[in-house]
Amino acid sequence: MDYLGQPLGFKIRKILRYLTLYGFNRTYYKALGQLHLRRTYDQIPRQTKTMKPTQIVGLIGCGNYAFTTIANFLTRKYGPIIGGCMDIDINRAASLAEHFRVPVFTTQADDIFANDTIKLVYIASNHATHAEYAIAALERGKHVYIEKPHVVSAEQLARLSETMAGAPGKVFLGFNRPGSRFGRIITSCLDREQGPGMYSFFVVGHDLNPDHWYYDAQEGGRILGNVCHWTDFILRLAGHNAIPITITPTRAEKTDTDIAVTYTFGDGTIAVLTFSAKGHTFEGVKERFNAHKGNCLITMRDFKTLRIDIGSRRERWYNLHLDHGHRHNIIAAADNVLHDLPYDRRTQFEHLRNTARLFLKTKEALERNQQLTLTDHAHTNVCR
């Protein structure tokens, strides 16, 4: 939806609602992001090109998410840590650089990868380019944070895996929900219970115009663009005994919206994921999660409220503002590189492979409208 083109009353209601949902800073940047996307320059601003040793972050893709979330959170935490940003649209690169005091902005990704000051590259470009930029950055010795989805095909997954196995750089993925406050609480509670689990996600997503770039053939559609968030969370909850996974799709004409998918895991765990996108949702994405494992019952609404019943004990958790884990995920990657924190390369590598295989197989099952099974864990030697 074009928010800037809406009547004044709609805009006021939107801002007031978002203030209650997200707080002042995120609401301010969500509004500012709409202006950022439309900003053009008669004359592109001059670059300082003088980078400080502390400006170790490069940013590939300067769209709405990069501006409102990645650059916003990094700058609030560390100050001007971003040394260079790139976008194929020079206006977007210049706009982000001007607002966040980034000394170098460019339309050429290699200007970021060739810069010795930059150690960690956040990749938030269009989906089909995520793996390509990540491979190029890893080959130049960088650490990379790849927004979801990290690949859009099995061929990209094979090349990214091969590059990661031979490169020293760390790889972080942009699946934020498991790292949220509620995500960590849910995972901890379920991990303490024995036996298989029953999980259910009901998700209402944005209604996108048919000409939205998500629907370009090479971009992977909404299973890779949206639904992968929840397939990743489900895989993490299922744990080490998840595979084999039987994927049973339920759909009508559409293959990536207004769908339901049932996952039956190797240990008997069953998860159901429903994704609906029919009309405008005033508050954005809405999601409900229910779980039952052992003595633990969980109900979560929109990462705003959480109720956990374990036997006779009942716990309730509240977030003042919505927390989907974006800040935690983005900051954790920078902290890991800045402070040289431990990094379990083998575990991260296996998850990178298996979470991609799951969302790619989910997409295939829905397109074929056929039950499919994902077999055997992706074990590959990690050289470094």
Protein backbone atom coordinates (compact mmCIF):
# COMPACT_ATOMS: atom_id res chain seq x y z
CA MET A 1 0.00 0.00 0.00
CA ASP A 2 1.16 3.55 -0.80
CA TYR A 3 0.91 5.08 2.67
CA LEU A 4 1.94 8.54 1.53
CA GLY A 5 -0.95 8.58 -0.93
CA GLN A 6 -3.57 7.87 1.73
CA PRO A 7 -5.89 10.51 3.26
CA LEU A 8 -4.59 12.53 6.20
CA GLY A 9 -6.95 10.81 8.64
CA PHE A 10 -5.58 7.39 7.66
CA LYS A 11 -2.00 8.60 8.18
CA ILE A 12 -2.79 9.99 11.62
CA ARG A 13 -4.53 6.77 12.71
CA LYS A 14 -1.62 4.74 11.36
CA ILE A 15 0.97 6.75 13.27
CA LEU A 16 -1.02 6.69 16.50
CA ARG A 17 -1.53 2.93 16.25
CA TYR A 18 2.14 2.33 15.45
CA LEU A 19 3.21 4.42 18.43
CA THR A 20 1.40 1.95 20.70
CA LEU A 21 2.76 -1.06 18.81
CA TYR A 22 6.37 -0.05 18.19
CA GLY A 23 7.19 3.00 20.29
CA PHE A 24 8.49 6.36 19.11
CA ASN A 25 11.80 5.41 17.47
CA ARG A 26 10.54 2.60 15.26
CA THR A 27 7.39 4.52 14.33
CA TYR A 28 9.49 7.54 13.42
CA TYR A 29 11.77 5.46 11.22
CA LYS A 30 8.87 3.59 9.60
CA ALA A 31 7.45 6.97 8.57
CA LEU A 32 10.86 8.30 7.56
CA GLY A 33 11.45 5.14 5.52
CA GLN A 34 8.50 5.98 3.28
CA LEU A 35 10.12 9.33 2.46
CA HIS A 36 13.51 7.66 2.01
CA LEU A 37 12.16 5.34 -0.70
CA ARG A 38 10.90 8.30 -2.72
CA ARG A 39 13.81 10.63 -2.25
CA THR A 40 15.63 11.82 -5.37
CA TYR A 41 18.45 14.30 -5.78
CA ASP A 42 18.93 16.92 -8.46
CA GLN A 43 22.59 16.71 -7.55
CA ILE A 44 23.99 13.71 -5.66
CA PRO A 45 25.65 14.81 -2.37
CA ARG A 46 29.42 14.74 -2.11
CA GLN A 47 31.00 11.86 -0.22
CA THR A 48 33.51 12.38 2.56
CA LYS A 49 35.15 8.99 1.81
CA THR A 50 37.11 9.35 5.07
CA MET A 51 36.38 6.22 7.06
CA LYS A 52 37.21 5.73 10.73
CA PRO A 53 38.78 2.43 11.83
CA THR A 54 35.60 1.71 13.80
CA GLN A 55 33.39 1.87 10.68
CA ILE A 56 33.65 -1.84 10.00
CA VAL A 57 30.16 -2.42 8.59
CA GLY A 58 29.16 -2.40 4.94
CA LEU A 59 25.53 -2.46 3.79
CA ILE A 60 24.36 -3.95 0.50
CA GLY A 61 20.86 -2.79 -0.40
CA CYS A 62 19.49 0.50 0.92
CA GLY A 63 15.76 -0.10 0.74
CA ASN A 64 13.12 0.30 3.43
CA TYR A 65 14.29 -2.53 5.71
CA ALA A 66 17.93 -1.51 5.51
CA PHE A 67 17.04 2.07 6.38
CA THR A 68 14.39 1.59 9.06
CA THR A 69 15.81 -1.47 10.77
CA ILE A 70 19.42 -2.47 10.04
CA ALA A 71 21.00 0.98 9.84
CA ASN A 72 18.71 2.32 12.56
CA PHE A 73 19.55 -0.38 15.13
CA LEU A 74 23.27 -0.45 14.34
CA THR A 75 23.60 3.33 14.60
CA ARG A 76 21.60 3.56 17.83
CA LYS A 77 23.81 0.88 19.40
CA TYR A 78 27.25 1.79 18.08
CA GLY A 79 27.03 5.26 16.56
CA PRO A 80 28.41 5.69 13.02
CA ILE A 81 29.64 2.11 12.56
CA ILE A 82 28.56 1.86 8.90
CA GLY A 83 31.46 2.77 6.64
CA GLY A 84 29.92 2.11 3.24
CA CYS A 85 26.56 1.38 1.66
CA MET A 86 25.55 0.23 -1.80
CA ASP A 87 22.35 0.19 -3.81
CA ILE A 88 21.69 -0.09 -7.54
CA ASP A 89 19.67 3.15 -7.09
CA ILE A 90 22.18 5.87 -6.22
CA ASN A 91 19.42 8.01 -4.70
CA ARG A 92 18.67 5.36 -2.07
CA ALA A 93 22.35 4.85 -1.31
CA ALA A 94 22.88 8.60 -0.98
CA SER A 95 19.76 9.06 1.16
CA LEU A 96 20.78 6.36 3.64
CA ALA A 97 24.38 7.63 3.71
CA GLU A 98 23.29 11.21 4.34
CA HIS A 99 20.97 10.31 7.20
CA PHE A 100 23.28 7.85 8.97
CA ARG A 101 26.56 9.68 8.26
CA VAL A 102 28.00 6.95 6.06
CA PRO A 103 31.19 8.24 4.36
CA VAL A 104 31.06 6.00 1.26
CA PHE A 105 28.02 5.24 -0.91
CA THR A 106 28.03 3.56 -4.28
CA THR A 107 26.14 1.54 -6.90
CA GLN A 108 28.98 -1.00 -7.14
CA ALA A 109 29.09 -3.84 -4.59
CA ASP A 110 32.80 -4.41 -5.18
CA ASP A 111 33.50 -0.95 -3.73
CA ILE A 112 32.26 -2.41 -0.42
CA PHE A 113 33.97 -5.80 -0.73
CA ALA A 114 37.34 -4.28 -1.71
CA ASN A 115 37.38 -1.90 1.26
CA ASP A 116 39.83 -3.19 3.88
CA THR A 117 38.19 -1.26 6.74
CA ILE A 118 34.89 -3.09 6.27
CA LYS A 119 34.84 -6.44 8.07
CA LEU A 120 31.13 -7.30 8.24
CA VAL A 121 28.67 -6.92 5.37
CA TYR A 122 24.90 -6.85 5.90
CA ILE A 123 23.06 -7.98 2.77
CA ALA A 124 19.51 -6.66 2.34
CA SER A 125 19.13 -6.44 -1.42
CA ASN A 126 16.49 -8.22 -3.53
CA HIS A 127 16.17 -11.90 -2.67
CA ALA A 128 17.76 -13.41 -5.78
CA THR A 129 20.99 -11.50 -5.12
CA HIS A 130 21.47 -12.41 -1.44
CA ALA A 131 23.54 -15.52 -2.08
CA GLU A 132 25.47 -13.90 -4.94
CA TYR A 133 26.57 -10.96 -2.81
CA ALA A 134 27.30 -13.24 0.16
CA ILE A 135 29.54 -15.48 -1.95
CA ALA A 136 31.43 -12.47 -3.30
CA ALA A 137 31.88 -11.02 0.19
CA LEU A 138 33.06 -14.32 1.69
CA GLU A 139 35.56 -14.73 -1.13
CA ARG A 140 36.99 -11.32 -0.20
CA GLY A 141 37.44 -12.41 3.42
CA LYS A 142 34.41 -10.63 4.90
CA HIS A 143 31.92 -11.80 7.51
CA VAL A 144 28.35 -11.66 6.22
CA TYR A 145 24.86 -11.19 7.61
CA ILE A 146 22.34 -12.41 5.03
CA GLU A 147 18.74 -11.29 5.24
CA LYS A 148 16.11 -13.94 4.55
CA PRO A 149 16.02 -15.86 2.32
CA HIS A 150 19.73 -16.57 2.04
CA VAL A 151 19.17 -18.55 -1.19
CA VAL A 152 16.38 -18.87 -3.76
CA SER A 153 17.44 -22.16 -5.38
CA ALA A 154 19.23 -25.43 -4.67
CA GLU A 155 22.00 -24.32 -7.02
CA GLN A 156 22.59 -21.16 -4.97
CA LEU A 157 22.56 -23.20 -1.77
CA ALA A 158 25.24 -25.53 -3.13
CA ARG A 159 27.50 -22.64 -4.15
CA LEU A 160 26.98 -20.72 -0.91
CA SER A 161 27.69 -23.85 1.13
CA GLU A 162 30.85 -24.58 -0.84
CA THR A 163 32.06 -21.01 -0.39
CA MET A 164 31.31 -20.99 3.33
CA ALA A 165 33.18 -24.27 3.79
CA GLY A 166 36.31 -22.77 2.24
CA ALA A 167 36.19 -19.22 3.61
CA PRO A 168 37.23 -17.89 7.04
CA GLY A 169 34.30 -15.49 7.36
CA LYS A 170 31.37 -16.05 9.71
CA VAL A 171 27.85 -16.25 8.28
CA PHE A 172 24.78 -14.95 10.13
CA LEU A 173 21.19 -15.34 8.91
CA GLY A 174 18.31 -12.89 9.15
CA PHE A 175 15.72 -15.21 10.70
CA ASN A 176 14.89 -13.00 13.64
CA ARG A 177 11.93 -14.57 15.45
CA PRO A 178 13.86 -17.28 17.35
CA GLY A 179 16.10 -14.53 18.79
CA SER A 180 13.23 -12.39 20.05
CA ARG A 181 12.45 -12.25 23.76
CA PHE A 182 9.40 -14.48 23.32
CA GLY A 183 11.23 -16.73 20.87
CA ARG A 184 13.94 -17.44 23.44
CA ILE A 185 11.38 -18.06 26.21
CA ILE A 186 9.32 -20.41 24.02
CA THR A 187 12.37 -22.39 22.89
CA SER A 188 13.69 -22.71 26.44
CA CYS A 189 10.36 -23.96 27.81
CA LEU A 190 9.81 -26.49 25.04
CA ASP A 191 13.38 -27.78 25.22
CA ARG A 192 12.81 -28.78 28.84
CA GLU A 193 9.89 -31.02 27.90
CA GLN A 194 10.14 -34.60 26.65
CA GLY A 195 8.52 -36.24 23.63
CA PRO A 196 7.13 -34.88 20.37
CA GLY A 197 5.45 -31.51 20.13
CA MET A 198 2.34 -30.08 18.46
CA TYR A 199 2.83 -26.61 16.97
CA SER A 200 0.54 -24.27 15.07
CA PHE A 201 1.26 -20.93 13.38
CA PHE A 202 -1.53 -18.80 11.91
CA VAL A 203 -0.04 -15.88 10.00
CA VAL A 204 -1.76 -13.03 8.18
CA GLY A 205 0.60 -11.22 5.83
CA HIS A 206 0.47 -8.07 3.75
CA ASP A 207 -1.62 -8.13 0.60
CA LEU A 208 0.85 -7.32 -2.20
CA ASN A 209 0.04 -5.96 -5.63
CA PRO A 210 0.38 -8.55 -8.43
CA ASP A 211 3.28 -6.57 -9.91
CA HIS A 212 5.24 -6.52 -6.62
CA TRP A 213 8.86 -7.58 -7.11
CA TYR A 214 8.35 -10.53 -4.73
CA TYR A 215 6.43 -12.18 -7.57
CA ASP A 216 9.25 -11.92 -10.10
CA ALA A 217 10.10 -15.47 -11.16
CA GLN A 218 13.69 -15.31 -9.95
CA GLU A 219 12.83 -13.90 -6.49
CA GLY A 220 11.15 -17.03 -5.11
CA GLY A 221 7.68 -15.68 -4.34
CA ARG A 222 6.21 -15.40 -0.87
CA ILE A 223 7.24 -18.81 0.45
CA LEU A 224 10.86 -17.70 0.21
CA GLY A 225 10.09 -14.04 0.88
CA ASN A 226 7.78 -14.43 3.90
CA VAL A 227 6.88 -17.97 4.91
CA CYS A 228 10.54 -18.95 5.40
CA HIS A 229 10.45 -17.02 8.71
CA TRP A 230 8.08 -19.59 10.18
CA THR A 231 9.52 -22.69 8.52
CA ASP A 232 12.82 -21.69 10.12
CA PHE A 233 11.25 -21.23 13.55
CA ILE A 234 9.44 -24.58 13.26
CA LEU A 235 12.69 -26.34 12.30
CA ARG A 236 14.46 -24.86 15.33
CA LEU A 237 11.67 -25.98 17.66
CA ALA A 238 11.76 -29.51 16.20
CA GLY A 239 15.46 -29.75 17.08
CA HIS A 240 18.10 -32.30 16.17
CA ASN A 241 15.68 -35.16 15.49
CA ALA A 242 13.60 -33.22 12.98
CA ILE A 243 14.57 -34.95 9.76
CA PRO A 244 13.02 -36.76 7.91
CA ILE A 245 10.19 -34.25 7.46
CA THR A 246 7.02 -35.05 5.53
CA ILE A 247 5.52 -31.90 3.99
CA THR A 248 1.79 -31.97 3.19
CA PRO A 249 0.46 -28.91 1.32
CA THR A 250 -3.12 -27.67 1.25
CA ARG A 251 -3.93 -25.00 -1.33
CA ALA A 252 -6.44 -23.82 -3.89
CA GLU A 253 -5.33 -21.83 -6.94
CA LYS A 254 -2.51 -19.87 -5.30
CA THR A 255 0.78 -21.58 -4.50
CA ASP A 256 2.24 -19.17 -1.96
CA THR A 257 -0.64 -17.35 -0.22
CA ASP A 258 -3.87 -18.54 1.39
CA ILE A 259 -2.19 -21.86 2.01
CA ALA A 260 -1.69 -24.36 4.83
CA VAL A 261 1.22 -26.75 5.23
CA THR A 262 1.51 -29.65 7.67
CA TYR A 263 4.96 -30.87 8.72
CA THR A 264 5.43 -34.30 10.27
CA PHE A 265 8.90 -34.66 11.78
CA GLY A 266 11.04 -37.71 12.37
CA ASP A 267 10.37 -37.77 16.12
CA GLY A 268 6.58 -37.55 15.73
CA THR A 269 6.35 -33.79 16.13
CA ILE A 270 3.60 -32.21 14.01
CA ALA A 271 3.45 -28.55 12.99
CA VAL A 272 0.85 -26.68 10.96
CA LEU A 273 1.62 -23.39 9.24
CA THR A 274 -1.18 -21.29 7.73
CA PHE A 275 -0.39 -18.18 5.71
CA SER A 276 -3.20 -15.88 4.60
CA ALA A 277 -2.90 -12.65 2.60
CA LYS A 278 -6.28 -11.40 1.45
CA GLY A 279 -6.57 -7.69 2.19
CA HIS A 280 -4.90 -4.77 3.91
CA THR A 281 -3.88 -5.39 7.53
CA PHE A 282 -3.82 -2.04 9.30
CA GLU A 283 -1.27 -3.15 11.90
CA GLY A 284 0.95 -5.15 9.54
CA VAL A 285 1.71 -8.85 9.88
CA LYS A 286 -0.44 -10.68 12.44
CA GLU A 287 0.54 -14.04 13.88
CA ARG A 288 -0.67 -16.53 16.47
CA PHE A 289 1.34 -19.43 17.83
CA ASN A 290 0.12 -22.37 19.90
CA ALA A 291 2.21 -25.25 21.19
CA HIS A 292 1.82 -28.36 23.34
CA LYS A 293 4.74 -30.50 24.39
CA GLY A 294 4.94 -32.64 27.49
CA ASN A 295 3.27 -30.68 30.29
CA CYS A 296 3.79 -27.34 28.56
CA LEU A 297 1.01 -25.38 26.83
CA ILE A 298 1.92 -22.13 25.04
CA THR A 299 -0.17 -19.39 23.46
CA MET A 300 1.52 -16.39 21.85
CA ARG A 301 -0.13 -13.42 20.11
CA ASP A 302 1.78 -11.13 17.77
CA PHE A 303 4.93 -11.21 19.94
CA LYS A 304 2.97 -8.94 22.27
CA THR A 305 1.52 -11.40 24.79
CA LEU A 306 2.65 -14.87 25.83
CA ARG A 307 0.99 -17.37 28.16
CA ILE A 308 2.68 -20.55 29.33
CA ASP A 309 0.94 -23.27 31.38
CA ILE A 310 3.10 -26.00 32.89
CA GLY A 311 1.04 -28.29 35.07
CA SER A 312 -0.63 -26.09 37.69
CA ARG A 313 1.76 -23.20 37.11
CA ARG A 314 0.72 -20.35 34.82
CA GLU A 315 3.02 -17.63 33.55
CA ARG A 316 2.12 -14.56 31.53
CA TRP A 317 4.57 -12.39 29.64
CA TYR A 318 4.02 -9.04 27.98
CA ASN A 319 6.04 -6.84 25.66
CA LEU A 320 5.43 -3.11 25.91
CA HIS A 321 6.15 -2.90 22.17
CA LEU A 322 6.25 -5.58 19.49
CA ASP A 323 9.52 -7.47 19.49
CA HIS A 324 10.06 -9.81 16.55
CA GLY A 325 13.77 -10.15 17.31
CA HIS A 326 15.13 -7.82 14.62
CA ARG A 327 17.28 -5.78 16.98
CA HIS A 328 18.65 -8.82 18.81
CA ASN A 329 19.60 -10.57 15.57
CA ILE A 330 21.23 -7.56 13.93
CA ILE A 331 23.16 -6.49 17.02
CA ALA A 332 24.26 -10.05 17.87
CA ALA A 333 26.09 -10.38 14.55
CA ALA A 334 27.94 -7.10 15.02
CA ASP A 335 28.80 -7.96 18.64
CA ASN A 336 30.17 -11.33 17.57
CA VAL A 337 32.52 -9.76 15.02
CA LEU A 338 33.50 -6.72 17.10
CA HIS A 339 34.36 -8.78 20.18
CA ASP A 340 35.48 -11.97 18.41
CA LEU A 341 32.91 -14.04 20.29
CA PRO A 342 32.63 -17.83 19.89
CA TYR A 343 31.03 -19.03 16.67
CA ASP A 344 29.93 -22.65 16.25
CA ARG A 345 30.73 -22.98 12.57
CA ARG A 346 29.54 -26.57 12.21
CA THR A 347 26.14 -25.93 13.83
CA GLN A 348 25.61 -22.71 11.89
CA PHE A 349 26.60 -24.39 8.64
CA GLU A 350 24.22 -27.31 9.17
CA HIS A 351 21.36 -24.99 10.02
CA LEU A 352 22.06 -22.79 6.98
CA ARG A 353 21.75 -25.88 4.80
CA ASN A 354 18.72 -27.49 6.45
CA THR A 355 16.57 -24.38 6.87
CA ALA A 356 17.08 -23.58 3.18
CA ARG A 357 16.29 -27.14 2.14
CA LEU A 358 13.06 -26.96 4.16
CA PHE A 359 11.73 -23.73 2.64
CA LEU A 360 12.80 -24.79 -0.86
CA LYS A 361 11.05 -28.16 -0.42
CA THR A 362 7.97 -26.39 0.99
CA LYS A 363 7.82 -24.20 -2.11
CA GLU A 364 8.15 -27.27 -4.33
CA ALA A 365 5.41 -29.16 -2.47
CA LEU A 366 2.98 -26.26 -2.83
CA GLU A 367 3.77 -25.71 -6.50
CA ARG A 368 3.32 -29.40 -7.26
CA ASN A 369 0.41 -29.65 -4.80
CA GLN A 370 1.93 -32.90 -3.66
CA GLN A 371 3.19 -34.42 -0.41
CA LEU A 372 7.00 -34.50 -0.35
CA THR A 373 9.58 -35.70 2.15
CA LEU A 374 12.83 -34.02 3.13
CA THR A 375 15.29 -36.79 4.01
CA ASP A 376 18.61 -36.96 5.85
CA HIS A 377 20.50 -34.10 7.49
CA ALA A 378 22.83 -32.03 5.36
CA HIS A 379 26.20 -33.01 6.80
CA THR A 380 29.15 -31.44 5.03
CA ASN A 381 32.68 -31.02 6.27
CA VAL A 382 33.50 -27.44 7.23
CA CYS A 383 37.13 -26.86 6.41
CA ARG A 384 37.91 -23.83 8.54
